[in-house]
């Protein structure tokens, strides 16, 4: 099996080298870019299996990089792990809203970052198959094919969004709290990361269009898929 390809986009040379060394030691194939424009061109030419993206980079910033690759079908499904400075919560939220799968706050632990990378790649690897196909009122979820469609039109989801939808539909009628979803979808539970769940739920609802209200908020508890 070929190693997963990771593109690191970080203009701080020392951090970029730390990320590259950490990923290479873990067995990944790594490329590094320090410029937003260059990164977008690299992704378009050879979409990586994962993008580690600093938000504050020259050329165009990380937010614009997210927008560029998420608007193109060829690159829309590329998972993104964003790097952001401590205390800039609004940046983390915006990054998630633009399609990032997860974020790591600087200064970060290489061990924690590697944990996040592996969790994202597992979600992108089609290893979750609770049942063959879910169909109802025009919505079709092909769990083995990792595809979602509405009235025959494919809906492009990130690996994290697909995993989240899978967990909700597989637990149809049951309430899952944020801690359960963090454990099942992201593979970890750290204090302060419940906001990540809320942001992904909001993104998922936007993409499900007329079926958005099938994902119910149970106030003070969590979320439930009623279907």
N, C-alpha and C. Protein backbone atom coordinates (compact mmCIF):
# COMPACT_ATOMS: atom_id res chain seq x y z
N UNK A 1 0.85 -1.20 0.00
CA UNK A 1 0.00 0.00 0.00
C UNK A 1 0.88 1.25 0.00
N UNK A 2 0.61 2.19 -0.91
CA UNK A 2 1.40 3.41 -0.99
C UNK A 2 1.16 4.30 0.21
N UNK A 3 2.21 5.01 0.67
CA UNK A 3 2.02 5.91 1.82
C UNK A 3 1.12 7.09 1.47
N UNK A 4 0.38 7.58 2.45
CA UNK A 4 -0.47 8.75 2.24
C UNK A 4 0.40 9.97 1.95
N UNK A 5 -0.10 10.83 1.05
CA UNK A 5 0.65 12.02 0.66
C UNK A 5 0.10 13.23 1.41
N UNK A 6 1.00 13.94 2.10
CA UNK A 6 0.62 15.10 2.89
C UNK A 6 1.33 16.34 2.36
N UNK A 7 0.56 17.40 2.16
CA UNK A 7 1.14 18.68 1.79
C UNK A 7 1.10 19.60 3.01
N UNK A 8 2.27 20.06 3.42
CA UNK A 8 2.39 21.00 4.54
C UNK A 8 2.54 22.40 3.97
N UNK A 9 1.64 23.30 4.35
CA UNK A 9 1.71 24.69 3.88
C UNK A 9 1.97 25.58 5.10
N UNK A 10 3.21 25.99 5.24
CA UNK A 10 3.67 26.73 6.42
C UNK A 10 4.89 27.55 6.03
N UNK A 11 4.84 28.87 6.29
CA UNK A 11 5.94 29.73 5.86
C UNK A 11 7.05 29.86 6.91
N UNK A 12 6.81 29.41 8.13
CA UNK A 12 7.85 29.40 9.15
C UNK A 12 8.73 28.16 8.90
N UNK A 13 9.98 28.40 8.53
CA UNK A 13 10.86 27.30 8.11
C UNK A 13 11.02 26.25 9.21
N UNK A 14 11.21 26.67 10.44
CA UNK A 14 11.44 25.72 11.53
C UNK A 14 10.21 24.85 11.77
N UNK A 15 9.02 25.47 11.76
CA UNK A 15 7.79 24.71 11.97
C UNK A 15 7.55 23.76 10.80
N UNK A 16 7.80 24.26 9.59
CA UNK A 16 7.61 23.42 8.40
C UNK A 16 8.51 22.19 8.45
N UNK A 17 9.77 22.39 8.88
CA UNK A 17 10.69 21.27 8.98
C UNK A 17 10.28 20.29 10.07
N UNK A 18 9.80 20.81 11.19
CA UNK A 18 9.31 19.95 12.27
C UNK A 18 8.15 19.10 11.79
N UNK A 19 7.21 19.72 11.08
CA UNK A 19 6.06 18.99 10.55
C UNK A 19 6.51 17.93 9.53
N UNK A 20 7.41 18.31 8.64
CA UNK A 20 7.86 17.38 7.61
C UNK A 20 8.57 16.18 8.23
N UNK A 21 9.45 16.43 9.19
CA UNK A 21 10.19 15.35 9.84
C UNK A 21 9.24 14.43 10.60
N UNK A 22 8.29 15.03 11.32
CA UNK A 22 7.32 14.24 12.09
C UNK A 22 6.51 13.33 11.18
N UNK A 23 6.03 13.88 10.07
CA UNK A 23 5.20 13.10 9.15
C UNK A 23 6.01 12.03 8.43
N UNK A 24 7.24 12.36 8.05
CA UNK A 24 8.08 11.38 7.35
C UNK A 24 8.44 10.22 8.27
N UNK A 25 8.74 10.52 9.53
CA UNK A 25 9.05 9.46 10.50
C UNK A 25 7.86 8.53 10.71
N UNK A 26 6.66 9.08 10.54
CA UNK A 26 5.45 8.28 10.70
C UNK A 26 5.11 7.49 9.44
N UNK A 27 5.92 7.66 8.40
CA UNK A 27 5.73 6.86 7.20
C UNK A 27 4.96 7.53 6.08
N UNK A 28 4.72 8.84 6.19
CA UNK A 28 3.98 9.55 5.16
C UNK A 28 4.92 10.16 4.13
N UNK A 29 4.39 10.38 2.94
CA UNK A 29 5.12 11.12 1.91
C UNK A 29 4.77 12.59 2.06
N UNK A 30 5.77 13.46 2.13
CA UNK A 30 5.52 14.86 2.49
C UNK A 30 6.09 15.82 1.45
N UNK A 31 5.28 16.84 1.13
CA UNK A 31 5.74 17.98 0.34
C UNK A 31 5.48 19.23 1.17
N UNK A 32 6.29 20.26 0.96
CA UNK A 32 6.18 21.49 1.76
C UNK A 32 6.07 22.69 0.83
N UNK A 33 5.18 23.62 1.20
CA UNK A 33 5.05 24.89 0.49
C UNK A 33 4.92 26.01 1.51
N UNK A 34 5.46 27.17 1.18
CA UNK A 34 5.38 28.30 2.10
C UNK A 34 4.56 29.44 1.56
N UNK A 35 3.79 29.19 0.49
CA UNK A 35 3.06 30.26 -0.18
C UNK A 35 1.68 29.77 -0.59
N UNK A 36 0.66 30.58 -0.36
CA UNK A 36 -0.71 30.18 -0.65
C UNK A 36 -0.98 29.91 -2.11
N UNK A 37 -0.49 30.79 -2.99
CA UNK A 37 -0.69 30.60 -4.43
C UNK A 37 -0.04 29.30 -4.91
N UNK A 38 1.20 29.08 -4.47
CA UNK A 38 1.91 27.87 -4.85
C UNK A 38 1.18 26.63 -4.35
N UNK A 39 0.67 26.71 -3.12
CA UNK A 39 -0.04 25.57 -2.54
C UNK A 39 -1.27 25.20 -3.35
N UNK A 40 -2.05 26.19 -3.75
CA UNK A 40 -3.26 25.92 -4.54
C UNK A 40 -2.88 25.25 -5.86
N UNK A 41 -1.82 25.73 -6.51
CA UNK A 41 -1.38 25.13 -7.77
C UNK A 41 -0.93 23.68 -7.58
N UNK A 42 -0.22 23.43 -6.48
CA UNK A 42 0.23 22.06 -6.19
C UNK A 42 -0.96 21.13 -5.94
N UNK A 43 -1.94 21.63 -5.21
CA UNK A 43 -3.12 20.82 -4.90
C UNK A 43 -3.92 20.52 -6.16
N UNK A 44 -4.06 21.50 -7.03
CA UNK A 44 -4.79 21.29 -8.28
C UNK A 44 -4.08 20.27 -9.17
N UNK A 45 -2.76 20.34 -9.20
CA UNK A 45 -1.99 19.44 -10.07
C UNK A 45 -1.96 18.02 -9.51
N UNK A 46 -1.77 17.92 -8.20
CA UNK A 46 -1.67 16.59 -7.55
C UNK A 46 -2.34 16.65 -6.19
N UNK A 47 -3.65 16.45 -6.13
CA UNK A 47 -4.37 16.53 -4.85
C UNK A 47 -3.77 15.58 -3.81
N UNK A 48 -3.37 16.09 -2.65
CA UNK A 48 -2.79 15.24 -1.61
C UNK A 48 -3.89 14.48 -0.86
N UNK A 49 -3.46 13.55 -0.03
CA UNK A 49 -4.42 12.82 0.82
C UNK A 49 -4.80 13.65 2.03
N UNK A 50 -3.97 14.64 2.36
CA UNK A 50 -4.24 15.53 3.50
C UNK A 50 -3.45 16.81 3.33
N UNK A 51 -4.06 17.92 3.72
CA UNK A 51 -3.41 19.22 3.69
C UNK A 51 -3.28 19.73 5.12
N UNK A 52 -2.05 20.02 5.54
CA UNK A 52 -1.81 20.69 6.82
C UNK A 52 -1.56 22.15 6.49
N UNK A 53 -2.43 23.03 6.93
CA UNK A 53 -2.47 24.40 6.41
C UNK A 53 -2.38 25.44 7.52
N UNK A 54 -1.30 26.22 7.48
CA UNK A 54 -1.21 27.38 8.37
C UNK A 54 -2.11 28.48 7.80
N UNK A 55 -2.76 29.22 8.67
CA UNK A 55 -3.67 30.26 8.19
C UNK A 55 -2.95 31.52 7.73
N UNK A 56 -1.86 31.88 8.42
CA UNK A 56 -1.17 33.12 8.10
C UNK A 56 0.05 32.82 7.23
N UNK A 57 -0.17 32.80 5.91
CA UNK A 57 0.87 32.52 4.94
C UNK A 57 0.86 33.60 3.86
N UNK A 58 2.00 33.83 3.20
CA UNK A 58 2.05 34.84 2.13
C UNK A 58 1.36 34.36 0.86
N UNK A 59 1.19 35.28 -0.07
CA UNK A 59 0.48 34.99 -1.32
C UNK A 59 -1.00 35.19 -1.11
N UNK A 60 -1.69 34.13 -0.81
CA UNK A 60 -3.06 34.22 -0.29
C UNK A 60 -3.07 33.46 1.03
N UNK A 61 -3.89 33.91 1.98
CA UNK A 61 -3.84 33.28 3.30
C UNK A 61 -4.58 31.94 3.30
N UNK A 62 -4.52 31.26 4.44
CA UNK A 62 -5.11 29.94 4.55
C UNK A 62 -6.60 29.91 4.30
N UNK A 63 -7.29 30.98 4.66
CA UNK A 63 -8.74 31.04 4.43
C UNK A 63 -9.03 30.98 2.93
N UNK A 64 -8.25 31.75 2.15
CA UNK A 64 -8.46 31.77 0.70
C UNK A 64 -8.08 30.43 0.07
N UNK A 65 -7.04 29.80 0.61
CA UNK A 65 -6.67 28.47 0.11
C UNK A 65 -7.83 27.50 0.31
N UNK A 66 -8.45 27.54 1.49
CA UNK A 66 -9.62 26.69 1.76
C UNK A 66 -10.72 26.94 0.73
N UNK A 67 -11.01 28.20 0.49
CA UNK A 67 -12.08 28.56 -0.45
C UNK A 67 -11.78 28.03 -1.85
N UNK A 68 -10.53 28.22 -2.28
CA UNK A 68 -10.14 27.82 -3.62
C UNK A 68 -10.30 26.32 -3.84
N UNK A 69 -9.83 25.52 -2.89
CA UNK A 69 -9.85 24.07 -3.13
C UNK A 69 -11.22 23.46 -2.86
N UNK A 70 -12.04 24.11 -2.03
CA UNK A 70 -13.37 23.57 -1.74
C UNK A 70 -14.38 23.91 -2.84
N UNK A 71 -14.08 24.90 -3.67
CA UNK A 71 -15.02 25.25 -4.73
C UNK A 71 -14.82 24.42 -6.00
N UNK A 72 -13.73 23.65 -6.07
CA UNK A 72 -13.46 22.85 -7.25
C UNK A 72 -13.72 21.37 -6.96
N UNK A 73 -14.55 20.70 -7.76
CA UNK A 73 -14.90 19.29 -7.51
C UNK A 73 -13.69 18.38 -7.39
N UNK A 74 -12.64 18.63 -8.15
CA UNK A 74 -11.46 17.76 -8.14
C UNK A 74 -10.75 17.78 -6.79
N UNK A 75 -10.82 18.91 -6.09
CA UNK A 75 -10.07 19.06 -4.83
C UNK A 75 -10.96 19.24 -3.61
N UNK A 76 -12.27 19.29 -3.80
CA UNK A 76 -13.19 19.61 -2.70
C UNK A 76 -13.13 18.61 -1.55
N UNK A 77 -12.78 17.36 -1.86
CA UNK A 77 -12.79 16.34 -0.82
C UNK A 77 -11.45 16.18 -0.10
N UNK A 78 -10.46 17.00 -0.45
CA UNK A 78 -9.16 16.92 0.21
C UNK A 78 -9.32 17.34 1.68
N UNK A 79 -8.98 16.46 2.63
CA UNK A 79 -9.10 16.81 4.04
C UNK A 79 -8.11 17.91 4.42
N UNK A 80 -8.54 18.80 5.32
CA UNK A 80 -7.70 19.92 5.73
C UNK A 80 -7.57 19.96 7.25
N UNK A 81 -6.33 20.03 7.72
CA UNK A 81 -6.04 20.27 9.14
C UNK A 81 -5.40 21.64 9.22
N UNK A 82 -6.06 22.58 9.88
CA UNK A 82 -5.52 23.94 9.93
C UNK A 82 -4.69 24.15 11.20
N UNK A 83 -3.68 25.01 11.06
CA UNK A 83 -2.85 25.43 12.18
C UNK A 83 -3.18 26.87 12.49
N UNK A 84 -3.41 27.17 13.75
CA UNK A 84 -3.80 28.53 14.11
C UNK A 84 -3.15 28.92 15.43
N UNK A 85 -2.96 30.21 15.62
CA UNK A 85 -2.32 30.70 16.84
C UNK A 85 -3.27 30.58 18.03
N UNK A 86 -2.69 30.39 19.21
CA UNK A 86 -3.48 30.26 20.42
C UNK A 86 -4.34 31.50 20.66
N UNK A 87 -5.57 31.30 21.07
CA UNK A 87 -6.45 32.41 21.45
C UNK A 87 -7.26 32.98 20.31
N UNK A 88 -6.96 32.60 19.07
CA UNK A 88 -7.69 33.15 17.93
C UNK A 88 -8.86 32.24 17.58
N UNK A 89 -9.86 32.20 18.48
CA UNK A 89 -10.98 31.28 18.30
C UNK A 89 -11.75 31.58 17.02
N UNK A 90 -11.89 32.85 16.68
CA UNK A 90 -12.65 33.21 15.48
C UNK A 90 -12.00 32.61 14.24
N UNK A 91 -10.66 32.56 14.22
CA UNK A 91 -9.96 31.96 13.08
C UNK A 91 -10.27 30.47 12.99
N UNK A 92 -10.32 29.79 14.13
CA UNK A 92 -10.62 28.37 14.13
C UNK A 92 -12.03 28.12 13.60
N UNK A 93 -12.96 28.93 14.06
CA UNK A 93 -14.36 28.77 13.64
C UNK A 93 -14.50 29.03 12.15
N UNK A 94 -13.88 30.11 11.65
CA UNK A 94 -13.97 30.43 10.22
C UNK A 94 -13.34 29.31 9.40
N UNK A 95 -12.20 28.80 9.86
CA UNK A 95 -11.55 27.71 9.14
C UNK A 95 -12.45 26.49 9.02
N UNK A 96 -13.14 26.15 10.10
CA UNK A 96 -14.06 25.01 10.07
C UNK A 96 -15.25 25.31 9.16
N UNK A 97 -15.74 26.53 9.22
CA UNK A 97 -16.88 26.92 8.36
C UNK A 97 -16.51 26.81 6.88
N UNK A 98 -15.25 27.06 6.56
CA UNK A 98 -14.81 27.03 5.16
C UNK A 98 -14.51 25.62 4.67
N UNK A 99 -14.60 24.63 5.56
CA UNK A 99 -14.43 23.25 5.11
C UNK A 99 -13.30 22.47 5.72
N UNK A 100 -12.56 23.07 6.67
CA UNK A 100 -11.49 22.33 7.34
C UNK A 100 -12.09 21.20 8.18
N UNK A 101 -11.35 20.11 8.30
CA UNK A 101 -11.82 18.96 9.07
C UNK A 101 -11.47 19.08 10.54
N UNK A 102 -10.37 19.74 10.85
CA UNK A 102 -9.93 19.84 12.23
C UNK A 102 -8.91 20.96 12.32
N UNK A 103 -8.49 21.28 13.55
CA UNK A 103 -7.48 22.31 13.73
C UNK A 103 -6.58 21.95 14.90
N UNK A 104 -5.38 22.47 14.85
CA UNK A 104 -4.41 22.33 15.93
C UNK A 104 -3.91 23.72 16.27
N UNK A 105 -3.82 24.01 17.56
CA UNK A 105 -3.43 25.34 18.02
C UNK A 105 -1.92 25.38 18.27
N UNK A 106 -1.27 26.44 17.77
CA UNK A 106 0.15 26.65 18.03
C UNK A 106 0.33 27.30 19.42
N UNK A 107 1.38 26.95 20.14
CA UNK A 107 2.35 25.89 19.86
C UNK A 107 1.69 24.52 20.08
N UNK A 108 2.06 23.56 19.25
CA UNK A 108 1.40 22.26 19.29
C UNK A 108 2.38 21.15 19.66
N UNK A 109 1.83 20.05 20.10
CA UNK A 109 2.62 18.85 20.37
C UNK A 109 2.67 18.02 19.09
N UNK A 110 3.86 17.67 18.59
CA UNK A 110 3.94 16.83 17.39
C UNK A 110 3.16 15.52 17.56
N UNK A 111 3.15 14.99 18.77
CA UNK A 111 2.42 13.74 19.02
C UNK A 111 0.92 13.94 18.85
N UNK A 112 0.40 15.06 19.37
CA UNK A 112 -1.03 15.34 19.22
C UNK A 112 -1.37 15.58 17.76
N UNK A 113 -0.52 16.33 17.06
CA UNK A 113 -0.78 16.61 15.65
C UNK A 113 -0.82 15.31 14.85
N UNK A 114 0.10 14.40 15.13
CA UNK A 114 0.13 13.12 14.43
C UNK A 114 -1.14 12.32 14.72
N UNK A 115 -1.63 12.40 15.95
CA UNK A 115 -2.89 11.75 16.31
C UNK A 115 -4.03 12.27 15.45
N UNK A 116 -4.08 13.58 15.28
CA UNK A 116 -5.13 14.20 14.47
C UNK A 116 -5.01 13.79 13.01
N UNK A 117 -3.79 13.81 12.50
CA UNK A 117 -3.55 13.43 11.09
C UNK A 117 -4.04 12.00 10.84
N UNK A 118 -3.65 11.09 11.70
CA UNK A 118 -4.05 9.69 11.51
C UNK A 118 -5.56 9.52 11.61
N UNK A 119 -6.19 10.27 12.52
CA UNK A 119 -7.65 10.18 12.67
C UNK A 119 -8.35 10.67 11.41
N UNK A 120 -7.87 11.78 10.83
CA UNK A 120 -8.48 12.30 9.60
C UNK A 120 -8.30 11.32 8.45
N UNK A 121 -7.11 10.75 8.32
CA UNK A 121 -6.86 9.81 7.23
C UNK A 121 -7.68 8.53 7.39
N UNK A 122 -7.93 8.11 8.62
CA UNK A 122 -8.80 6.95 8.84
C UNK A 122 -10.21 7.25 8.36
N UNK A 123 -10.69 8.46 8.66
CA UNK A 123 -12.04 8.83 8.24
C UNK A 123 -12.13 8.90 6.71
N UNK A 124 -11.04 9.28 6.08
CA UNK A 124 -11.04 9.41 4.62
C UNK A 124 -10.82 8.08 3.92
N UNK A 125 -10.53 7.03 4.69
CA UNK A 125 -10.15 5.77 4.10
C UNK A 125 -11.26 4.78 3.87
N UNK A 126 -12.53 5.24 4.01
CA UNK A 126 -13.68 4.36 3.74
C UNK A 126 -13.71 3.12 4.63
N UNK A 127 -13.28 3.24 5.88
CA UNK A 127 -13.25 2.06 6.72
C UNK A 127 -14.52 1.88 7.53
N UNK A 128 -15.47 2.78 7.38
CA UNK A 128 -16.68 2.75 8.20
C UNK A 128 -17.88 2.36 7.35
N UNK A 129 -18.45 1.18 7.57
CA UNK A 129 -19.56 0.69 6.75
C UNK A 129 -20.67 0.11 7.64
N UNK A 130 -21.49 0.95 8.26
CA UNK A 130 -22.51 0.42 9.15
C UNK A 130 -23.58 -0.37 8.43
N UNK A 131 -23.88 -0.01 7.18
CA UNK A 131 -24.85 -0.73 6.37
C UNK A 131 -24.60 -0.31 4.93
N UNK A 132 -25.29 -0.95 4.01
CA UNK A 132 -24.99 -0.71 2.60
C UNK A 132 -25.44 0.68 2.14
N UNK A 133 -26.75 0.93 2.16
CA UNK A 133 -27.29 2.18 1.64
C UNK A 133 -28.45 2.64 2.52
N UNK A 134 -28.51 3.95 2.77
CA UNK A 134 -29.66 4.56 3.43
C UNK A 134 -30.41 5.37 2.38
N UNK A 135 -31.71 5.16 2.26
CA UNK A 135 -32.52 5.89 1.29
C UNK A 135 -33.81 6.36 1.95
N UNK A 136 -34.13 7.63 1.75
CA UNK A 136 -35.39 8.16 2.25
C UNK A 136 -35.65 9.53 1.65
N UNK A 137 -36.84 9.70 1.06
CA UNK A 137 -37.30 11.00 0.56
C UNK A 137 -36.26 11.71 -0.31
N UNK A 138 -35.64 10.97 -1.20
CA UNK A 138 -34.69 11.59 -2.14
C UNK A 138 -33.26 11.60 -1.66
N UNK A 139 -33.05 11.37 -0.35
CA UNK A 139 -31.68 11.34 0.18
C UNK A 139 -31.15 9.92 0.11
N UNK A 140 -29.97 9.75 -0.47
CA UNK A 140 -29.34 8.43 -0.54
C UNK A 140 -27.92 8.52 -0.02
N UNK A 141 -27.59 7.64 0.93
CA UNK A 141 -26.25 7.57 1.49
C UNK A 141 -25.68 6.20 1.16
N UNK A 142 -24.66 6.17 0.34
CA UNK A 142 -23.98 4.92 -0.03
C UNK A 142 -22.75 4.81 0.87
N UNK A 143 -22.86 4.00 1.94
CA UNK A 143 -21.79 3.94 2.92
C UNK A 143 -20.52 3.29 2.36
N UNK A 144 -20.68 2.27 1.56
CA UNK A 144 -19.51 1.60 1.02
C UNK A 144 -18.86 2.42 -0.09
N UNK A 145 -19.68 3.08 -0.88
CA UNK A 145 -19.15 3.93 -1.95
C UNK A 145 -18.73 5.30 -1.48
N UNK A 146 -19.06 5.62 -0.21
CA UNK A 146 -18.70 6.92 0.38
C UNK A 146 -19.27 8.08 -0.41
N UNK A 147 -20.57 7.94 -0.79
CA UNK A 147 -21.24 8.97 -1.59
C UNK A 147 -22.59 9.32 -0.98
N UNK A 148 -22.97 10.58 -1.15
CA UNK A 148 -24.27 11.07 -0.71
C UNK A 148 -24.90 11.82 -1.87
N UNK A 149 -26.19 11.57 -2.11
CA UNK A 149 -26.88 12.28 -3.19
C UNK A 149 -28.27 12.70 -2.74
N UNK A 150 -28.77 13.75 -3.37
CA UNK A 150 -30.10 14.27 -3.11
C UNK A 150 -30.82 14.38 -4.45
N UNK A 151 -31.91 13.63 -4.61
CA UNK A 151 -32.66 13.61 -5.87
C UNK A 151 -31.73 13.31 -7.05
N UNK A 152 -30.76 12.42 -6.83
CA UNK A 152 -29.86 12.03 -7.91
C UNK A 152 -28.65 12.92 -8.09
N UNK A 153 -28.61 14.07 -7.39
CA UNK A 153 -27.48 14.99 -7.50
C UNK A 153 -26.51 14.73 -6.35
N UNK A 154 -25.25 14.48 -6.69
CA UNK A 154 -24.27 14.16 -5.65
C UNK A 154 -24.00 15.37 -4.76
N UNK A 155 -23.91 15.14 -3.47
CA UNK A 155 -23.54 16.15 -2.49
C UNK A 155 -22.10 15.87 -2.07
N UNK A 156 -21.24 16.84 -2.24
CA UNK A 156 -19.83 16.65 -1.90
C UNK A 156 -19.63 16.91 -0.41
N UNK A 157 -19.25 15.86 0.32
CA UNK A 157 -18.96 15.97 1.74
C UNK A 157 -17.48 15.70 1.99
N UNK A 158 -16.94 16.34 3.01
CA UNK A 158 -15.59 15.98 3.44
C UNK A 158 -15.66 14.63 4.15
N UNK A 159 -14.51 14.01 4.37
CA UNK A 159 -14.48 12.72 5.07
C UNK A 159 -15.08 12.86 6.46
N UNK A 160 -14.82 13.98 7.12
CA UNK A 160 -15.36 14.19 8.47
C UNK A 160 -16.87 14.36 8.44
N UNK A 161 -17.37 15.13 7.48
CA UNK A 161 -18.82 15.31 7.36
C UNK A 161 -19.51 13.99 7.08
N UNK A 162 -18.89 13.16 6.22
CA UNK A 162 -19.49 11.86 5.89
C UNK A 162 -19.51 10.96 7.12
N UNK A 163 -18.43 10.95 7.87
CA UNK A 163 -18.36 10.13 9.08
C UNK A 163 -19.39 10.61 10.11
N UNK A 164 -19.55 11.91 10.23
CA UNK A 164 -20.53 12.47 11.16
C UNK A 164 -21.95 12.07 10.75
N UNK A 165 -22.25 12.19 9.47
CA UNK A 165 -23.57 11.80 8.98
C UNK A 165 -23.79 10.30 9.19
N UNK A 166 -22.76 9.51 8.97
CA UNK A 166 -22.86 8.06 9.17
C UNK A 166 -23.18 7.72 10.61
N UNK A 167 -22.50 8.37 11.54
CA UNK A 167 -22.75 8.10 12.96
C UNK A 167 -24.18 8.48 13.34
N UNK A 168 -24.65 9.60 12.83
CA UNK A 168 -26.00 10.05 13.17
C UNK A 168 -27.06 9.12 12.59
N UNK A 169 -26.90 8.75 11.32
CA UNK A 169 -27.91 7.88 10.70
C UNK A 169 -27.86 6.47 11.28
N UNK A 170 -26.68 6.02 11.62
CA UNK A 170 -26.56 4.68 12.20
C UNK A 170 -27.17 4.61 13.60
N UNK A 171 -27.30 5.78 14.23
CA UNK A 171 -27.92 5.85 15.56
C UNK A 171 -29.29 6.51 15.46
N UNK A 172 -29.95 6.33 14.33
CA UNK A 172 -31.22 7.02 14.05
C UNK A 172 -32.20 6.91 15.21
N UNK A 173 -32.71 8.06 15.63
CA UNK A 173 -33.68 8.10 16.73
C UNK A 173 -33.05 8.27 18.10
N UNK A 174 -31.73 8.05 18.19
CA UNK A 174 -31.02 8.17 19.47
C UNK A 174 -30.27 9.50 19.52
N UNK A 175 -30.20 10.08 20.70
CA UNK A 175 -29.47 11.33 20.87
C UNK A 175 -28.00 11.02 21.14
N UNK A 176 -27.12 11.66 20.39
CA UNK A 176 -25.68 11.56 20.62
C UNK A 176 -25.19 12.90 21.12
N UNK A 177 -24.52 12.91 22.26
CA UNK A 177 -24.02 14.19 22.76
C UNK A 177 -22.69 14.53 22.08
N UNK A 178 -22.20 15.74 22.33
CA UNK A 178 -21.00 16.20 21.63
C UNK A 178 -19.78 15.35 21.97
N UNK A 179 -19.68 14.92 23.22
CA UNK A 179 -18.54 14.10 23.63
C UNK A 179 -18.54 12.77 22.88
N UNK A 180 -19.71 12.16 22.74
CA UNK A 180 -19.79 10.91 21.98
C UNK A 180 -19.38 11.10 20.53
N UNK A 181 -19.85 12.21 19.92
CA UNK A 181 -19.51 12.47 18.52
C UNK A 181 -18.02 12.76 18.36
N UNK A 182 -17.43 13.49 19.30
CA UNK A 182 -15.99 13.73 19.23
C UNK A 182 -15.22 12.42 19.29
N UNK A 183 -15.62 11.53 20.18
CA UNK A 183 -14.94 10.24 20.31
C UNK A 183 -15.11 9.39 19.06
N UNK A 184 -16.34 9.34 18.53
CA UNK A 184 -16.63 8.45 17.41
C UNK A 184 -16.14 8.98 16.07
N UNK A 185 -16.25 10.29 15.87
CA UNK A 185 -15.92 10.88 14.57
C UNK A 185 -14.47 11.37 14.52
N UNK A 186 -14.07 12.12 15.54
CA UNK A 186 -12.72 12.69 15.54
C UNK A 186 -11.69 11.78 16.20
N UNK A 187 -12.15 10.87 17.06
CA UNK A 187 -11.24 9.94 17.70
C UNK A 187 -10.55 10.49 18.92
N UNK A 188 -11.04 11.60 19.46
CA UNK A 188 -10.48 12.16 20.68
C UNK A 188 -11.52 13.04 21.34
N UNK A 189 -11.23 13.43 22.56
CA UNK A 189 -12.12 14.35 23.27
C UNK A 189 -11.27 15.23 24.16
N UNK A 190 -11.04 16.47 23.72
CA UNK A 190 -10.29 17.41 24.53
C UNK A 190 -11.19 18.58 24.91
N UNK A 191 -10.94 19.13 26.06
CA UNK A 191 -11.76 20.24 26.54
C UNK A 191 -11.73 21.40 25.54
N UNK A 192 -12.89 21.96 25.27
CA UNK A 192 -12.97 23.11 24.39
C UNK A 192 -13.22 22.77 22.94
N UNK A 193 -13.29 21.47 22.58
CA UNK A 193 -13.45 21.10 21.18
C UNK A 193 -14.90 20.80 20.79
N UNK A 194 -15.84 20.97 21.75
CA UNK A 194 -17.25 20.73 21.42
C UNK A 194 -17.72 21.68 20.32
N UNK A 195 -17.14 22.86 20.24
CA UNK A 195 -17.51 23.84 19.21
C UNK A 195 -17.27 23.27 17.81
N UNK A 196 -16.27 22.40 17.69
CA UNK A 196 -15.98 21.75 16.41
C UNK A 196 -17.19 20.97 15.92
N UNK A 197 -17.85 20.24 16.83
CA UNK A 197 -19.03 19.45 16.47
C UNK A 197 -20.13 20.36 15.95
N UNK A 198 -20.41 21.44 16.67
CA UNK A 198 -21.48 22.35 16.28
C UNK A 198 -21.23 22.93 14.89
N UNK A 199 -19.99 23.30 14.61
CA UNK A 199 -19.66 23.88 13.31
C UNK A 199 -19.86 22.87 12.19
N UNK A 200 -19.44 21.64 12.40
CA UNK A 200 -19.62 20.60 11.38
C UNK A 200 -21.09 20.24 11.18
N UNK A 201 -21.86 20.23 12.25
CA UNK A 201 -23.30 19.99 12.13
C UNK A 201 -23.94 21.08 11.27
N UNK A 202 -23.57 22.33 11.50
CA UNK A 202 -24.11 23.44 10.73
C UNK A 202 -23.74 23.31 9.25
N UNK A 203 -22.50 22.94 8.97
CA UNK A 203 -22.07 22.74 7.59
C UNK A 203 -22.83 21.60 6.93
N UNK A 204 -23.02 20.52 7.68
CA UNK A 204 -23.71 19.35 7.16
C UNK A 204 -25.15 19.68 6.83
N UNK A 205 -25.81 20.41 7.70
CA UNK A 205 -27.20 20.82 7.44
C UNK A 205 -27.30 21.67 6.18
N UNK A 206 -26.36 22.57 5.99
CA UNK A 206 -26.39 23.42 4.80
C UNK A 206 -26.31 22.58 3.52
N UNK A 207 -25.54 21.52 3.55
CA UNK A 207 -25.36 20.69 2.37
C UNK A 207 -26.54 19.74 2.14
N UNK A 208 -27.26 19.39 3.20
CA UNK A 208 -28.38 18.45 3.07
C UNK A 208 -29.65 19.13 2.55
N UNK A 209 -29.62 20.44 2.44
CA UNK A 209 -30.71 21.20 1.83
C UNK A 209 -32.06 20.88 2.47
N UNK A 210 -33.00 20.31 1.71
CA UNK A 210 -34.36 20.09 2.22
C UNK A 210 -34.43 19.06 3.34
N UNK A 211 -33.36 18.29 3.51
CA UNK A 211 -33.33 17.28 4.59
C UNK A 211 -32.57 17.79 5.81
N UNK A 212 -32.23 19.07 5.81
CA UNK A 212 -31.41 19.61 6.90
C UNK A 212 -32.05 19.41 8.27
N UNK A 213 -33.40 19.54 8.31
CA UNK A 213 -34.05 19.44 9.62
C UNK A 213 -34.18 18.01 10.12
N UNK A 214 -33.67 17.03 9.35
CA UNK A 214 -33.63 15.66 9.84
C UNK A 214 -32.60 15.52 10.95
N UNK A 215 -31.62 16.42 10.98
CA UNK A 215 -30.66 16.45 12.08
C UNK A 215 -31.19 17.42 13.12
N UNK A 216 -31.70 16.90 14.20
CA UNK A 216 -32.34 17.72 15.23
C UNK A 216 -31.37 18.06 16.35
N UNK A 217 -31.48 19.28 16.83
CA UNK A 217 -30.75 19.68 18.03
C UNK A 217 -31.61 19.39 19.24
N UNK A 218 -31.10 18.59 20.14
CA UNK A 218 -31.79 18.33 21.41
C UNK A 218 -31.12 19.24 22.43
N UNK A 219 -31.77 20.34 22.70
CA UNK A 219 -31.15 21.41 23.48
C UNK A 219 -30.62 20.92 24.83
N UNK A 220 -29.36 21.25 25.08
CA UNK A 220 -28.74 20.87 26.34
C UNK A 220 -28.22 19.44 26.36
N UNK A 221 -28.44 18.70 25.27
CA UNK A 221 -28.01 17.30 25.25
C UNK A 221 -27.07 17.03 24.07
N UNK A 222 -27.59 17.15 22.84
CA UNK A 222 -26.77 16.85 21.68
C UNK A 222 -27.57 16.87 20.39
N UNK A 223 -27.36 15.87 19.53
CA UNK A 223 -28.00 15.84 18.23
C UNK A 223 -28.62 14.46 17.96
N UNK A 224 -29.67 14.46 17.13
CA UNK A 224 -30.38 13.22 16.80
C UNK A 224 -30.78 13.28 15.33
N UNK A 225 -30.63 12.15 14.65
CA UNK A 225 -31.09 12.03 13.26
C UNK A 225 -32.45 11.36 13.29
N UNK A 226 -33.47 12.09 12.85
CA UNK A 226 -34.82 11.52 12.91
C UNK A 226 -35.23 10.88 11.59
N UNK A 227 -34.70 11.41 10.46
CA UNK A 227 -34.97 10.81 9.17
C UNK A 227 -36.44 10.68 8.86
